[in-house]
Amino acid sequence: MPRHYAYLKISEGCNNRCRFCIIPSMRGNLVSCDIGDVMAEVERLKNAGVREILNISQDTSAYGMVNRFQYASPKILKSMKRRPLQRII
């Protein structure tokens, strides 16, 4: 893997129960990583020379879901945007 980009896991599991998917059975319900821990990892990666971060999880759009109508995904992306990285995906 090239050193200029890195994968960053932001959550584990999934709350969706799609009939075709085994992830909830294997990984359990969605558990988001703490935003402070995620941002500390972003800073560590940036200091290591990473210019592009790829956020990954089983259900990235549900990161930080507090309730049915409130998501933290925009919050984490705004926080990451303040870091001088080339690209965040």
Protein backbone atom coordinates (compact mmCIF):
# COMPACT_ATOMS: atom_id res chain seq x y z
CA MET A 1 0.00 0.00 0.00
CA PRO A 2 1.40 3.43 -0.88
CA ARG A 3 2.43 5.55 2.10
CA HIS A 4 0.50 8.64 0.95
CA TYR A 5 -2.91 7.16 1.87
CA ALA A 6 -4.36 5.14 4.74
CA TYR A 7 -7.57 3.42 5.75
CA LEU A 8 -9.23 4.68 8.93
CA LYS A 9 -11.86 2.49 10.60
CA ILE A 10 -14.53 4.70 12.19
CA SER A 11 -17.05 2.09 13.36
CA GLU A 12 -17.72 -1.61 13.65
CA GLY A 13 -20.91 -3.60 13.07
CA CYS A 14 -24.23 -2.66 11.53
CA ASN A 15 -27.79 -2.05 12.72
CA ASN A 16 -29.36 -3.01 9.39
CA ARG A 17 -30.68 -6.53 9.10
CA CYS A 18 -30.55 -7.16 5.37
CA ARG A 19 -31.55 -10.72 4.52
CA PHE A 20 -28.49 -11.27 2.32
CA CYS A 21 -25.90 -9.90 4.78
CA ILE A 22 -24.09 -11.71 7.56
CA ILE A 23 -22.27 -8.66 9.01
CA PRO A 24 -24.71 -8.02 11.90
CA SER A 25 -24.47 -11.69 12.91
CA MET A 26 -20.67 -11.67 12.78
CA ARG A 27 -19.83 -8.12 13.93
CA GLY A 28 -22.86 -7.20 16.05
CA ASN A 29 -24.67 -3.89 16.24
CA LEU A 30 -23.08 -0.64 15.12
CA VAL A 31 -20.52 0.76 17.53
CA SER A 32 -18.89 4.03 16.48
CA CYS A 33 -15.35 4.90 17.49
CA ASP A 34 -15.05 7.94 19.74
CA ILE A 35 -14.57 11.10 17.65
CA GLY A 36 -11.61 12.11 19.84
CA ASP A 37 -9.88 8.79 19.13
CA VAL A 38 -10.62 9.11 15.41
CA MET A 39 -9.22 12.64 15.27
CA ALA A 40 -6.11 11.58 17.23
CA GLU A 41 -5.53 8.86 14.64
CA VAL A 42 -6.04 11.39 11.81
CA GLU A 43 -3.39 13.59 13.41
CA ARG A 44 -1.00 10.63 13.82
CA LEU A 45 -1.49 9.63 10.19
CA LYS A 46 -0.98 13.20 9.00
CA ASN A 47 2.26 13.44 10.96
CA ALA A 48 3.38 10.16 9.36
CA GLY A 49 3.05 11.71 5.90
CA VAL A 50 -0.42 10.50 4.93
CA ARG A 51 -2.15 12.88 2.51
CA GLU A 52 -5.32 10.91 1.81
CA ILE A 53 -7.57 9.14 4.34
CA LEU A 54 -10.23 6.61 3.39
CA ASN A 55 -12.87 6.24 6.11
CA ILE A 56 -14.13 2.67 6.35
CA SER A 57 -16.81 0.78 8.25
CA GLN A 58 -19.65 -1.57 7.49
CA ASP A 59 -22.12 1.37 7.46
CA THR A 60 -20.11 4.58 7.17
CA SER A 61 -23.18 6.77 6.79
CA ALA A 62 -24.42 5.71 10.25
CA TYR A 63 -21.25 6.81 12.06
CA GLY A 64 -22.11 8.28 15.46
CA MET A 65 -25.83 7.64 15.12
CA VAL A 66 -27.35 9.06 18.30
CA ASN A 67 -30.96 8.34 17.44
CA ARG A 68 -33.04 7.61 14.39
CA PHE A 69 -32.77 11.14 13.02
CA GLN A 70 -29.38 12.45 14.18
CA TYR A 71 -26.06 11.45 12.63
CA ALA A 72 -22.52 12.55 13.46
CA SER A 73 -21.05 11.78 10.01
CA PRO A 74 -21.10 15.46 8.96
CA LYS A 75 -19.45 16.41 12.27
CA ILE A 76 -16.52 14.03 11.83
CA LEU A 77 -16.03 15.07 8.21
CA LYS A 78 -15.98 18.76 9.19
CA SER A 79 -13.42 17.99 11.91
CA MET A 80 -11.25 16.09 9.44
CA LYS A 81 -11.56 18.88 6.89
CA ARG A 82 -9.80 21.23 9.33
CA ARG A 83 -6.69 19.04 9.03
CA PRO A 84 -4.41 19.93 6.11
CA LEU A 85 -4.85 16.67 4.19
CA GLN A 86 -5.06 16.36 0.47
CA ARG A 87 -8.24 14.28 0.40
CA ILE A 88 -10.67 12.56 2.77
CA ILE A 89 -12.90 9.84 1.36
